[in-house]
Amino acid sequence: MIPVRDVLPARTTPVVTIALIAASVTVFVGHVAFAPDDLAREAFFYTWGFTPSAFSWWQSVSMLFMHAGWLHLGSNMLALWVFGENVEDRLGHGRFLLFYLSTGILGTLAHLQGGVAPAWPLIGSAAAVAGVIGAYLVLLPKSRVLLPVPFPPVHWAAVEIPAPFVMGVWFLLQISGELSTPVAVPFWAIAGGFAAGLALVFVLRRPERARIEWWAPD
């Protein structure tokens, strides 16, 4: 079963969240199209991924839009869609973009300090998505996520489950063998991005948007 969204309606269109998802999908499709073999794929990762032994600030941003496979891409973009909508709503578009990039960069720095596989490139948006999840926990700790469940023969129903449970599943998948990239496991990047999200949301949030009347339908 795949979660589709949370239960809280946003008052603004999540244009930055949509743009980030579109950019990540575009980069992945381009990577598949223009780097079809293993050698080209490896060169692409080393050029645009974040390699601790060859530190580069711009690579700490470019790596956020790269993914190793459809499952890696899909899990991150789904989490960004489910949790990013309301975080963007509470921060505002510009602040949310700054927040996303900042938590992603801070996550890569945590990976750098962790000393994990210094010669292997780190790729994926997991650090930034972990930051979004951290912000969501601060802003909406009791929220729930809609999970569509099939009932025979063709009926579907939406079941509400606690958002922290979905977040926990995402974290476990990211550090498991199922979604670990062929270059570097992003444990420290995820931990750093999550911690950065917990802290930065207090700096960038807009208190007037925390009132119930902000998101409640008119």
N, C-alpha and C. Protein backbone atom coordinates (compact mmCIF):
# COMPACT_ATOMS: atom_id res chain seq x y z
N MET A 1 0.83 -1.19 0.00
CA MET A 1 0.00 0.00 0.00
C MET A 1 0.87 1.25 0.00
N ILE A 2 0.45 2.27 -0.75
CA ILE A 2 1.23 3.48 -0.90
C ILE A 2 0.44 4.67 -0.37
N PRO A 3 1.00 5.45 0.57
CA PRO A 3 0.29 6.64 1.06
C PRO A 3 0.15 7.66 -0.05
N VAL A 4 -0.95 8.40 -0.05
CA VAL A 4 -1.21 9.34 -1.13
C VAL A 4 -1.12 10.79 -0.70
N ARG A 5 -1.44 11.09 0.57
CA ARG A 5 -1.35 12.45 1.08
C ARG A 5 -1.69 12.43 2.57
N ASP A 6 -1.49 13.59 3.23
CA ASP A 6 -1.90 13.66 4.62
C ASP A 6 -3.34 14.18 4.69
N VAL A 7 -3.88 14.27 5.90
CA VAL A 7 -5.30 14.61 6.05
C VAL A 7 -5.55 16.11 6.12
N LEU A 8 -4.49 16.91 6.18
CA LEU A 8 -4.65 18.36 6.34
C LEU A 8 -4.58 19.06 4.99
N PRO A 9 -5.61 19.79 4.62
CA PRO A 9 -5.57 20.51 3.34
C PRO A 9 -4.65 21.73 3.43
N ALA A 10 -3.89 21.96 2.38
CA ALA A 10 -3.04 23.15 2.32
C ALA A 10 -3.82 24.31 1.73
N ARG A 11 -3.49 25.52 2.15
CA ARG A 11 -4.18 26.69 1.64
C ARG A 11 -3.50 27.28 0.41
N THR A 12 -2.31 26.82 0.10
CA THR A 12 -1.58 27.32 -1.06
C THR A 12 -1.17 26.16 -1.95
N THR A 13 -0.95 26.43 -3.21
CA THR A 13 -0.47 25.40 -4.13
C THR A 13 1.02 25.16 -3.89
N PRO A 14 1.44 23.92 -3.66
CA PRO A 14 2.85 23.65 -3.34
C PRO A 14 3.74 23.69 -4.59
N VAL A 15 3.91 24.88 -5.14
CA VAL A 15 4.61 25.01 -6.42
C VAL A 15 6.07 24.60 -6.31
N VAL A 16 6.72 24.88 -5.18
CA VAL A 16 8.13 24.50 -5.02
C VAL A 16 8.26 22.99 -4.89
N THR A 17 7.38 22.37 -4.11
CA THR A 17 7.40 20.91 -3.99
C THR A 17 7.22 20.26 -5.36
N ILE A 18 6.26 20.74 -6.13
CA ILE A 18 6.01 20.20 -7.46
C ILE A 18 7.24 20.41 -8.35
N ALA A 19 7.85 21.60 -8.28
CA ALA A 19 9.02 21.89 -9.10
C ALA A 19 10.20 21.00 -8.73
N LEU A 20 10.40 20.75 -7.44
CA LEU A 20 11.50 19.88 -7.00
C LEU A 20 11.29 18.45 -7.49
N ILE A 21 10.05 17.97 -7.42
CA ILE A 21 9.75 16.63 -7.92
C ILE A 21 9.98 16.57 -9.42
N ALA A 22 9.50 17.58 -10.15
CA ALA A 22 9.67 17.61 -11.61
C ALA A 22 11.14 17.63 -11.98
N ALA A 23 11.93 18.42 -11.26
CA ALA A 23 13.37 18.51 -11.56
C ALA A 23 14.06 17.17 -11.31
N SER A 24 13.71 16.50 -10.22
CA SER A 24 14.33 15.21 -9.90
C SER A 24 13.95 14.15 -10.94
N VAL A 25 12.69 14.13 -11.34
CA VAL A 25 12.26 13.17 -12.36
C VAL A 25 12.95 13.45 -13.70
N THR A 26 13.06 14.72 -14.05
CA THR A 26 13.71 15.10 -15.31
C THR A 26 15.17 14.68 -15.33
N VAL A 27 15.87 14.93 -14.23
CA VAL A 27 17.28 14.53 -14.14
C VAL A 27 17.41 13.02 -14.24
N PHE A 28 16.52 12.29 -13.58
CA PHE A 28 16.61 10.84 -13.62
C PHE A 28 16.35 10.30 -15.02
N VAL A 29 15.32 10.81 -15.68
CA VAL A 29 15.01 10.36 -17.04
C VAL A 29 16.17 10.69 -17.98
N GLY A 30 16.74 11.88 -17.82
CA GLY A 30 17.89 12.25 -18.65
C GLY A 30 19.09 11.36 -18.39
N HIS A 31 19.30 11.02 -17.13
CA HIS A 31 20.40 10.13 -16.76
C HIS A 31 20.22 8.75 -17.39
N VAL A 32 19.01 8.23 -17.33
CA VAL A 32 18.73 6.91 -17.93
C VAL A 32 18.93 6.95 -19.44
N ALA A 33 18.49 8.06 -20.05
CA ALA A 33 18.57 8.17 -21.52
C ALA A 33 20.01 8.35 -22.02
N PHE A 34 20.80 9.14 -21.30
CA PHE A 34 22.13 9.50 -21.80
C PHE A 34 23.27 8.76 -21.12
N ALA A 35 22.96 7.96 -20.11
CA ALA A 35 23.99 7.14 -19.48
C ALA A 35 23.45 5.72 -19.34
N PRO A 36 23.24 5.04 -20.48
CA PRO A 36 22.57 3.73 -20.46
C PRO A 36 23.42 2.58 -19.94
N ASP A 37 24.75 2.69 -20.01
CA ASP A 37 25.60 1.58 -19.58
C ASP A 37 26.25 1.91 -18.23
N ASP A 38 26.83 0.89 -17.61
CA ASP A 38 27.38 1.04 -16.26
C ASP A 38 28.52 2.05 -16.22
N LEU A 39 29.36 2.09 -17.25
CA LEU A 39 30.50 3.01 -17.26
C LEU A 39 30.03 4.46 -17.30
N ALA A 40 29.07 4.75 -18.19
CA ALA A 40 28.53 6.11 -18.29
C ALA A 40 27.78 6.49 -17.02
N ARG A 41 27.09 5.52 -16.45
CA ARG A 41 26.34 5.76 -15.21
C ARG A 41 27.29 6.12 -14.07
N GLU A 42 28.40 5.39 -13.97
CA GLU A 42 29.38 5.67 -12.92
C GLU A 42 30.00 7.05 -13.11
N ALA A 43 30.31 7.40 -14.35
CA ALA A 43 30.88 8.71 -14.63
C ALA A 43 29.90 9.83 -14.26
N PHE A 44 28.62 9.59 -14.52
CA PHE A 44 27.59 10.57 -14.19
C PHE A 44 27.52 10.77 -12.67
N PHE A 45 27.56 9.68 -11.92
CA PHE A 45 27.50 9.78 -10.46
C PHE A 45 28.71 10.52 -9.90
N TYR A 46 29.89 10.23 -10.44
CA TYR A 46 31.09 10.88 -9.92
C TYR A 46 31.16 12.35 -10.32
N THR A 47 30.54 12.70 -11.43
CA THR A 47 30.56 14.10 -11.87
C THR A 47 29.60 14.95 -11.07
N TRP A 48 28.39 14.44 -10.81
CA TRP A 48 27.34 15.24 -10.20
C TRP A 48 27.01 14.84 -8.77
N GLY A 49 27.48 13.68 -8.33
CA GLY A 49 27.25 13.27 -6.95
C GLY A 49 28.23 13.93 -6.00
N PHE A 50 27.99 13.76 -4.71
CA PHE A 50 28.83 14.36 -3.68
C PHE A 50 29.85 13.34 -3.21
N THR A 51 31.14 13.56 -3.55
CA THR A 51 32.21 12.66 -3.16
C THR A 51 33.02 13.30 -2.05
N PRO A 52 32.97 12.75 -0.83
CA PRO A 52 33.67 13.38 0.30
C PRO A 52 35.15 13.63 0.06
N SER A 53 35.83 12.73 -0.64
CA SER A 53 37.27 12.88 -0.85
C SER A 53 37.59 13.97 -1.87
N ALA A 54 36.59 14.45 -2.58
CA ALA A 54 36.78 15.55 -3.54
C ALA A 54 35.68 16.58 -3.30
N PHE A 55 35.71 17.17 -2.10
CA PHE A 55 34.63 18.05 -1.65
C PHE A 55 34.35 19.18 -2.63
N SER A 56 33.04 19.39 -2.89
CA SER A 56 32.61 20.48 -3.77
C SER A 56 31.24 20.96 -3.29
N TRP A 57 31.10 22.27 -3.10
CA TRP A 57 29.83 22.83 -2.64
C TRP A 57 28.72 22.61 -3.66
N TRP A 58 29.03 22.80 -4.94
CA TRP A 58 27.97 22.68 -5.94
C TRP A 58 27.48 21.25 -6.06
N GLN A 59 28.36 20.29 -5.80
CA GLN A 59 27.93 18.89 -5.84
C GLN A 59 27.01 18.55 -4.68
N SER A 60 27.12 19.29 -3.57
CA SER A 60 26.21 19.04 -2.44
C SER A 60 24.79 19.48 -2.76
N VAL A 61 24.63 20.27 -3.82
CA VAL A 61 23.31 20.64 -4.31
C VAL A 61 22.88 19.74 -5.46
N SER A 62 23.77 19.52 -6.44
CA SER A 62 23.40 18.72 -7.60
C SER A 62 23.03 17.29 -7.22
N MET A 63 23.68 16.75 -6.18
CA MET A 63 23.38 15.37 -5.78
C MET A 63 21.96 15.18 -5.27
N LEU A 64 21.32 16.29 -4.84
CA LEU A 64 19.96 16.19 -4.31
C LEU A 64 18.94 15.85 -5.39
N PHE A 65 19.31 16.02 -6.65
CA PHE A 65 18.37 15.78 -7.75
C PHE A 65 18.71 14.50 -8.51
N MET A 66 19.60 13.69 -7.97
CA MET A 66 20.02 12.45 -8.62
C MET A 66 19.54 11.25 -7.83
N HIS A 67 19.18 10.17 -8.57
CA HIS A 67 18.72 8.95 -7.91
C HIS A 67 19.22 7.74 -8.69
N ALA A 68 19.41 6.64 -7.96
CA ALA A 68 20.03 5.47 -8.56
C ALA A 68 19.05 4.57 -9.32
N GLY A 69 17.77 4.66 -9.01
CA GLY A 69 16.80 3.80 -9.67
C GLY A 69 15.39 4.30 -9.43
N TRP A 70 14.43 3.63 -10.07
CA TRP A 70 13.04 4.08 -9.95
C TRP A 70 12.52 3.96 -8.52
N LEU A 71 12.91 2.92 -7.81
CA LEU A 71 12.45 2.75 -6.43
C LEU A 71 13.06 3.83 -5.53
N HIS A 72 14.33 4.11 -5.74
CA HIS A 72 15.01 5.17 -4.98
C HIS A 72 14.34 6.52 -5.25
N LEU A 73 14.10 6.82 -6.50
CA LEU A 73 13.43 8.07 -6.88
C LEU A 73 12.01 8.11 -6.32
N GLY A 74 11.25 7.04 -6.54
CA GLY A 74 9.84 7.03 -6.16
C GLY A 74 9.63 7.18 -4.67
N SER A 75 10.44 6.52 -3.86
CA SER A 75 10.26 6.61 -2.41
C SER A 75 10.52 8.02 -1.90
N ASN A 76 11.55 8.67 -2.44
CA ASN A 76 11.87 10.03 -2.01
C ASN A 76 10.85 11.04 -2.49
N MET A 77 10.42 10.91 -3.74
CA MET A 77 9.47 11.88 -4.27
C MET A 77 8.09 11.71 -3.64
N LEU A 78 7.72 10.48 -3.32
CA LEU A 78 6.44 10.26 -2.65
C LEU A 78 6.45 10.90 -1.26
N ALA A 79 7.54 10.70 -0.52
CA ALA A 79 7.65 11.31 0.80
C ALA A 79 7.66 12.83 0.70
N LEU A 80 8.35 13.36 -0.30
CA LEU A 80 8.37 14.82 -0.49
C LEU A 80 6.97 15.34 -0.79
N TRP A 81 6.22 14.61 -1.60
CA TRP A 81 4.86 15.04 -1.94
C TRP A 81 3.94 14.99 -0.72
N VAL A 82 3.99 13.89 0.03
CA VAL A 82 3.08 13.71 1.17
C VAL A 82 3.36 14.74 2.26
N PHE A 83 4.65 14.96 2.57
CA PHE A 83 4.99 15.82 3.71
C PHE A 83 5.40 17.24 3.31
N GLY A 84 5.86 17.41 2.06
CA GLY A 84 6.33 18.72 1.66
C GLY A 84 5.22 19.74 1.47
N GLU A 85 4.03 19.29 1.09
CA GLU A 85 2.92 20.20 0.80
C GLU A 85 2.62 21.12 1.98
N ASN A 86 2.42 20.54 3.16
CA ASN A 86 2.06 21.35 4.31
C ASN A 86 3.25 22.08 4.92
N VAL A 87 4.45 21.52 4.79
CA VAL A 87 5.62 22.26 5.26
C VAL A 87 5.82 23.51 4.41
N GLU A 88 5.68 23.37 3.10
CA GLU A 88 5.76 24.54 2.22
C GLU A 88 4.66 25.54 2.54
N ASP A 89 3.48 25.03 2.84
CA ASP A 89 2.35 25.89 3.19
C ASP A 89 2.66 26.72 4.43
N ARG A 90 3.30 26.11 5.41
CA ARG A 90 3.59 26.80 6.67
C ARG A 90 4.80 27.73 6.57
N LEU A 91 5.76 27.41 5.70
CA LEU A 91 6.95 28.25 5.58
C LEU A 91 6.80 29.34 4.53
N GLY A 92 6.03 29.07 3.49
CA GLY A 92 5.99 29.94 2.33
C GLY A 92 6.93 29.39 1.26
N HIS A 93 6.69 29.74 0.02
CA HIS A 93 7.42 29.12 -1.10
C HIS A 93 8.93 29.37 -1.04
N GLY A 94 9.31 30.64 -0.91
CA GLY A 94 10.73 30.98 -0.91
C GLY A 94 11.46 30.37 0.27
N ARG A 95 10.88 30.46 1.44
CA ARG A 95 11.51 29.90 2.62
C ARG A 95 11.61 28.37 2.53
N PHE A 96 10.60 27.75 1.92
CA PHE A 96 10.64 26.30 1.79
C PHE A 96 11.78 25.87 0.87
N LEU A 97 11.97 26.58 -0.23
CA LEU A 97 13.09 26.24 -1.12
C LEU A 97 14.41 26.39 -0.39
N LEU A 98 14.58 27.49 0.34
CA LEU A 98 15.80 27.69 1.12
C LEU A 98 15.96 26.58 2.15
N PHE A 99 14.87 26.22 2.80
CA PHE A 99 14.89 25.15 3.80
C PHE A 99 15.32 23.82 3.18
N TYR A 100 14.73 23.47 2.05
CA TYR A 100 15.02 22.19 1.39
C TYR A 100 16.49 22.09 1.00
N LEU A 101 17.00 23.12 0.35
CA LEU A 101 18.40 23.11 -0.07
C LEU A 101 19.34 23.12 1.12
N SER A 102 19.00 23.88 2.15
CA SER A 102 19.86 23.98 3.33
C SER A 102 19.96 22.66 4.07
N THR A 103 18.83 21.99 4.27
CA THR A 103 18.87 20.71 4.98
C THR A 103 19.59 19.66 4.14
N GLY A 104 19.43 19.74 2.82
CA GLY A 104 20.16 18.81 1.96
C GLY A 104 21.66 19.01 2.06
N ILE A 105 22.10 20.27 2.02
CA ILE A 105 23.53 20.57 2.13
C ILE A 105 24.09 20.17 3.49
N LEU A 106 23.35 20.49 4.55
CA LEU A 106 23.80 20.13 5.89
C LEU A 106 23.85 18.62 6.07
N GLY A 107 22.94 17.92 5.40
CA GLY A 107 22.98 16.46 5.45
C GLY A 107 24.23 15.91 4.77
N THR A 108 24.61 16.50 3.64
CA THR A 108 25.83 16.05 2.96
C THR A 108 27.06 16.34 3.81
N LEU A 109 27.05 17.45 4.54
CA LEU A 109 28.18 17.76 5.43
C LEU A 109 28.26 16.75 6.57
N ALA A 110 27.10 16.31 7.06
CA ALA A 110 27.10 15.27 8.10
C ALA A 110 27.68 13.98 7.54
N HIS A 111 27.35 13.66 6.30
CA HIS A 111 27.91 12.48 5.64
C HIS A 111 29.43 12.64 5.52
N LEU A 112 29.87 13.84 5.21
CA LEU A 112 31.30 14.12 5.09
C LEU A 112 32.00 13.87 6.43
N GLN A 113 31.41 14.37 7.51
CA GLN A 113 32.01 14.20 8.83
C GLN A 113 31.92 12.76 9.32
N GLY A 114 30.95 12.01 8.80
CA GLY A 114 30.80 10.62 9.21
C GLY A 114 31.90 9.72 8.69
N GLY A 115 32.62 10.19 7.66
CA GLY A 115 33.74 9.44 7.13
C GLY A 115 33.36 8.13 6.45
N VAL A 116 32.14 8.06 5.91
CA VAL A 116 31.66 6.84 5.27
C VAL A 116 32.04 6.83 3.79
N ALA A 117 32.75 5.80 3.37
CA ALA A 117 33.10 5.61 1.95
C ALA A 117 33.52 6.92 1.31
N PRO A 118 34.63 7.51 1.75
CA PRO A 118 35.02 8.85 1.26
C PRO A 118 35.25 8.94 -0.24
N ALA A 119 35.54 7.82 -0.88
CA ALA A 119 35.81 7.86 -2.32
C ALA A 119 34.57 7.57 -3.15
N TRP A 120 33.46 7.28 -2.50
CA TRP A 120 32.22 6.95 -3.23
C TRP A 120 31.28 8.14 -3.24
N PRO A 121 30.66 8.42 -4.36
CA PRO A 121 29.73 9.56 -4.42
C PRO A 121 28.41 9.26 -3.71
N LEU A 122 27.88 10.27 -3.06
CA LEU A 122 26.57 10.19 -2.42
C LEU A 122 25.56 10.85 -3.34
N ILE A 123 24.44 10.19 -3.60
CA ILE A 123 23.41 10.77 -4.45
C ILE A 123 22.05 10.58 -3.79
N GLY A 124 21.08 11.40 -4.20
CA GLY A 124 19.72 11.26 -3.72
C GLY A 124 19.28 12.44 -2.87
N SER A 125 17.97 12.61 -2.80
CA SER A 125 17.38 13.72 -2.06
C SER A 125 17.04 13.34 -0.62
N ALA A 126 17.53 12.20 -0.14
CA ALA A 126 17.12 11.69 1.17
C ALA A 126 17.42 12.68 2.29
N ALA A 127 18.56 13.37 2.24
CA ALA A 127 18.90 14.31 3.31
C ALA A 127 17.90 15.45 3.38
N ALA A 128 17.54 16.00 2.22
CA ALA A 128 16.58 17.11 2.18
C ALA A 128 15.18 16.63 2.56
N VAL A 129 14.79 15.45 2.09
CA VAL A 129 13.48 14.90 2.44
C VAL A 129 13.41 14.61 3.93
N ALA A 130 14.51 14.12 4.51
CA ALA A 130 14.55 13.90 5.95
C ALA A 130 14.37 15.22 6.69
N GLY A 131 14.93 16.31 6.14
CA GLY A 131 14.72 17.62 6.74
C GLY A 131 13.26 18.03 6.71
N VAL A 132 12.60 17.76 5.58
CA VAL A 132 11.16 18.05 5.46
C VAL A 132 10.37 17.25 6.49
N ILE A 133 10.74 15.99 6.67
CA ILE A 133 10.06 15.14 7.65
C ILE A 133 10.26 15.68 9.05
N GLY A 134 11.48 16.13 9.36
CA GLY A 134 11.74 16.72 10.66
C GLY A 134 10.88 17.94 10.91
N ALA A 135 10.77 18.81 9.89
CA ALA A 135 9.93 20.00 10.02
C ALA A 135 8.47 19.63 10.20
N TYR A 136 8.02 18.63 9.48
CA TYR A 136 6.62 18.18 9.58
C TYR A 136 6.32 17.69 10.99
N LEU A 137 7.25 16.96 11.59
CA LEU A 137 7.05 16.46 12.95
C LEU A 137 6.91 17.61 13.94
N VAL A 138 7.67 18.68 13.73
CA VAL A 138 7.58 19.84 14.62
C VAL A 138 6.25 20.57 14.42
N LEU A 139 5.88 20.76 13.16
CA LEU A 139 4.70 21.56 12.84
C LEU A 139 3.39 20.82 13.04
N LEU A 140 3.38 19.53 12.70
CA LEU A 140 2.13 18.76 12.70
C LEU A 140 2.36 17.37 13.31
N PRO A 141 2.74 17.31 14.57
CA PRO A 141 3.14 16.02 15.17
C PRO A 141 2.02 15.00 15.27
N LYS A 142 0.76 15.44 15.26
CA LYS A 142 -0.36 14.51 15.42
C LYS A 142 -1.11 14.26 14.11
N SER A 143 -0.53 14.66 13.01
CA SER A 143 -1.20 14.49 11.72
C SER A 143 -1.27 13.02 11.33
N ARG A 144 -2.10 12.73 10.35
CA ARG A 144 -2.26 11.37 9.84
C ARG A 144 -2.14 11.37 8.32
N VAL A 145 -1.85 10.21 7.79
CA VAL A 145 -1.65 10.04 6.35
C VAL A 145 -2.69 9.08 5.82
N LEU A 146 -3.22 9.38 4.63
CA LEU A 146 -4.23 8.52 4.01
C LEU A 146 -3.57 7.39 3.24
N LEU A 147 -4.00 6.19 3.54
CA LEU A 147 -3.48 4.99 2.89
C LEU A 147 -4.63 4.26 2.22
N PRO A 148 -4.67 4.19 0.88
CA PRO A 148 -5.75 3.47 0.20
C PRO A 148 -5.62 1.96 0.40
N VAL A 149 -6.72 1.32 0.78
CA VAL A 149 -6.72 -0.12 1.03
C VAL A 149 -7.83 -0.76 0.20
N PRO A 150 -7.52 -1.82 -0.57
CA PRO A 150 -8.55 -2.48 -1.38
C PRO A 150 -9.42 -3.44 -0.57
N PHE A 151 -10.70 -3.47 -0.89
CA PHE A 151 -11.62 -4.43 -0.30
C PHE A 151 -12.31 -5.18 -1.45
N PRO A 152 -12.35 -6.50 -1.37
CA PRO A 152 -12.96 -7.27 -2.48
C PRO A 152 -14.41 -6.87 -2.69
N PRO A 153 -14.90 -6.91 -3.96
CA PRO A 153 -14.08 -7.28 -5.12
C PRO A 153 -13.34 -6.09 -5.74
N VAL A 154 -13.96 -4.88 -5.73
CA VAL A 154 -13.31 -3.76 -6.41
C VAL A 154 -13.41 -2.46 -5.59
N HIS A 155 -13.74 -2.58 -4.34
CA HIS A 155 -13.94 -1.38 -3.52
C HIS A 155 -12.63 -0.95 -2.86
N TRP A 156 -12.42 0.36 -2.82
CA TRP A 156 -11.25 0.92 -2.16
C TRP A 156 -11.71 1.85 -1.04
N ALA A 157 -10.95 1.87 0.05
CA ALA A 157 -11.24 2.78 1.16
C ALA A 157 -9.93 3.41 1.62
N ALA A 158 -10.03 4.62 2.13
CA ALA A 158 -8.85 5.33 2.63
C ALA A 158 -8.77 5.15 4.14
N VAL A 159 -7.65 4.62 4.60
CA VAL A 159 -7.41 4.41 6.02
C VAL A 159 -6.42 5.45 6.52
N GLU A 160 -6.71 6.05 7.65
CA GLU A 160 -5.81 7.05 8.23
C GLU A 160 -4.83 6.36 9.18
N ILE A 161 -3.54 6.61 8.96
CA ILE A 161 -2.52 6.06 9.85
C ILE A 161 -1.64 7.21 10.34
N PRO A 162 -1.06 7.11 11.53
CA PRO A 162 -0.24 8.20 12.06
C PRO A 162 0.94 8.53 11.14
N ALA A 163 1.16 9.81 10.91
CA ALA A 163 2.25 10.24 10.04
C ALA A 163 3.61 9.73 10.52
N PRO A 164 3.91 9.72 11.84
CA PRO A 164 5.22 9.22 12.28
C PRO A 164 5.48 7.77 11.89
N PHE A 165 4.41 6.96 11.77
CA PHE A 165 4.60 5.57 11.34
C PHE A 165 5.09 5.52 9.90
N VAL A 166 4.48 6.32 9.03
CA VAL A 166 4.90 6.38 7.62
C VAL A 166 6.33 6.88 7.52
N MET A 167 6.66 7.88 8.34
CA MET A 167 8.02 8.41 8.35
C MET A 167 9.02 7.34 8.76
N GLY A 168 8.67 6.54 9.76
CA GLY A 168 9.55 5.47 10.21
C GLY A 168 9.81 4.44 9.13
N VAL A 169 8.76 4.09 8.38
CA VAL A 169 8.92 3.15 7.27
C VAL A 169 9.86 3.72 6.23
N TRP A 170 9.70 5.01 5.93
CA TRP A 170 10.57 5.66 4.94
C TRP A 170 12.02 5.61 5.39
N PHE A 171 12.29 5.94 6.66
CA PHE A 171 13.65 5.91 7.18
C PHE A 171 14.25 4.51 7.08
N LEU A 172 13.48 3.50 7.45
CA LEU A 172 13.98 2.13 7.40
C LEU A 172 14.30 1.71 5.97
N LEU A 173 13.44 2.09 5.02
CA LEU A 173 13.70 1.74 3.63
C LEU A 173 14.96 2.42 3.10
N GLN A 174 15.17 3.66 3.51
CA GLN A 174 16.32 4.40 3.01
C GLN A 174 17.65 3.79 3.44
N ILE A 175 17.70 3.26 4.64
CA ILE A 175 18.98 2.72 5.13
C ILE A 175 19.08 1.20 4.97
N SER A 176 18.05 0.61 4.37
CA SER A 176 18.08 -0.83 4.15
C SER A 176 18.74 -1.14 2.82
N GLY A 177 19.00 -2.41 2.60
CA GLY A 177 19.60 -2.83 1.34
C GLY A 177 18.69 -2.63 0.15
N GLU A 178 17.37 -2.49 0.39
CA GLU A 178 16.43 -2.36 -0.71
C GLU A 178 16.60 -1.04 -1.46
N LEU A 179 16.92 0.03 -0.73
CA LEU A 179 17.02 1.34 -1.37
C LEU A 179 18.41 1.94 -1.30
N SER A 180 19.35 1.25 -0.68
CA SER A 180 20.71 1.78 -0.63
C SER A 180 21.24 1.92 -2.05
N THR A 181 21.83 3.05 -2.33
CA THR A 181 22.34 3.28 -3.68
C THR A 181 23.60 2.44 -3.89
N PRO A 182 23.99 2.24 -5.17
CA PRO A 182 25.21 1.47 -5.43
C PRO A 182 26.47 2.26 -5.15
N VAL A 183 26.33 3.45 -4.60
CA VAL A 183 27.52 4.27 -4.36
C VAL A 183 27.79 4.49 -2.88
N ALA A 184 26.82 4.96 -2.11
CA ALA A 184 27.05 5.18 -0.69
C ALA A 184 25.72 5.14 0.06
N VAL A 185 25.71 4.47 1.23
CA VAL A 185 24.51 4.41 2.07
C VAL A 185 24.38 5.75 2.80
N PRO A 186 23.22 6.40 2.72
CA PRO A 186 23.11 7.79 3.21
C PRO A 186 22.70 7.92 4.68
N PHE A 187 23.18 7.02 5.57
CA PHE A 187 22.72 7.07 6.95
C PHE A 187 23.02 8.42 7.60
N TRP A 188 24.27 8.86 7.54
CA TRP A 188 24.64 10.11 8.19
C TRP A 188 24.01 11.31 7.50
N ALA A 189 23.85 11.23 6.20
CA ALA A 189 23.19 12.32 5.47
C ALA A 189 21.73 12.46 5.91
N ILE A 190 21.05 11.33 6.08
CA ILE A 190 19.66 11.36 6.53
C ILE A 190 19.58 11.89 7.96
N ALA A 191 20.45 11.40 8.84
CA ALA A 191 20.45 11.87 10.22
C ALA A 191 20.74 13.36 10.29
N GLY A 192 21.72 13.83 9.50
CA GLY A 192 22.06 15.24 9.51
C GLY A 192 20.96 16.11 8.95
N GLY A 193 20.33 15.64 7.85
CA GLY A 193 19.23 16.39 7.27
C GLY A 193 18.04 16.47 8.21
N PHE A 194 17.75 15.37 8.89
CA PHE A 194 16.64 15.34 9.84
C PHE A 194 16.89 16.31 11.00
N ALA A 195 18.09 16.27 11.56
CA ALA A 195 18.43 17.18 12.66
C ALA A 195 18.37 18.63 12.21
N ALA A 196 18.85 18.89 10.99
CA ALA A 196 18.80 20.25 10.46
C ALA A 196 17.37 20.71 10.28
N GLY A 197 16.51 19.81 9.84
CA GLY A 197 15.10 20.16 9.67
C GLY A 197 14.43 20.49 10.98
N LEU A 198 14.74 19.72 12.02
CA LEU A 198 14.17 19.98 13.34
C LEU A 198 14.55 21.37 13.85
N ALA A 199 15.76 21.81 13.52
CA ALA A 199 16.24 23.10 14.00
C ALA A 199 15.81 24.26 13.11
N LEU A 200 15.99 24.10 11.79
CA LEU A 200 15.74 25.21 10.87
C LEU A 200 14.27 25.61 10.79
N VAL A 201 13.37 24.66 11.05
CA VAL A 201 11.95 24.99 10.97
C VAL A 201 11.58 26.07 11.98
N PHE A 202 12.27 26.13 13.11
CA PHE A 202 11.99 27.16 14.10
C PHE A 202 12.47 28.53 13.63
N VAL A 203 13.47 28.53 12.74
CA VAL A 203 13.99 29.79 12.21
C VAL A 203 13.15 30.30 11.05
N LEU A 204 12.67 29.39 10.21
CA LEU A 204 12.02 29.78 8.96
C LEU A 204 10.49 29.72 8.99
N ARG A 205 9.90 29.12 9.98
CA ARG A 205 8.44 29.00 9.99
C ARG A 205 7.79 30.38 10.18
N ARG A 206 6.57 30.49 9.73
CA ARG A 206 5.80 31.72 9.86
C ARG A 206 4.68 31.48 10.87
N PRO A 207 4.81 32.04 12.07
CA PRO A 207 3.86 31.74 13.15
C PRO A 207 2.40 32.02 12.79
N GLU A 208 2.16 33.03 11.95
CA GLU A 208 0.77 33.35 11.62
C GLU A 208 0.10 32.24 10.83
N ARG A 209 0.90 31.37 10.21
CA ARG A 209 0.32 30.27 9.44
C ARG A 209 0.08 29.02 10.29
N ALA A 210 0.41 29.09 11.57
CA ALA A 210 0.17 27.95 12.45
C ALA A 210 -1.24 27.97 13.03
N ARG A 211 -1.94 29.08 12.86
CA ARG A 211 -3.30 29.16 13.41
C ARG A 211 -4.24 28.26 12.63
N ILE A 212 -5.20 27.71 13.33
CA ILE A 212 -6.12 26.74 12.72
C ILE A 212 -6.86 27.33 11.53
N GLU A 213 -7.16 28.63 11.58
CA GLU A 213 -7.91 29.23 10.48
C GLU A 213 -7.09 29.34 9.20
N TRP A 214 -5.76 29.19 9.31
CA TRP A 214 -4.93 29.26 8.10
C TRP A 214 -5.25 28.11 7.15
N TRP A 215 -5.30 26.87 7.68
CA TRP A 215 -5.48 25.72 6.79
C TRP A 215 -6.92 25.22 6.74
N ALA A 216 -7.74 25.62 7.70
CA ALA A 216 -9.14 25.15 7.68
C ALA A 216 -9.88 25.80 6.51
N PRO A 217 -10.64 25.04 5.75
CA PRO A 217 -11.37 25.60 4.61
C PRO A 217 -12.32 26.71 5.06
N ASP A 218 -12.46 27.72 4.22
CA ASP A 218 -13.38 28.82 4.52
C ASP A 218 -14.83 28.33 4.49
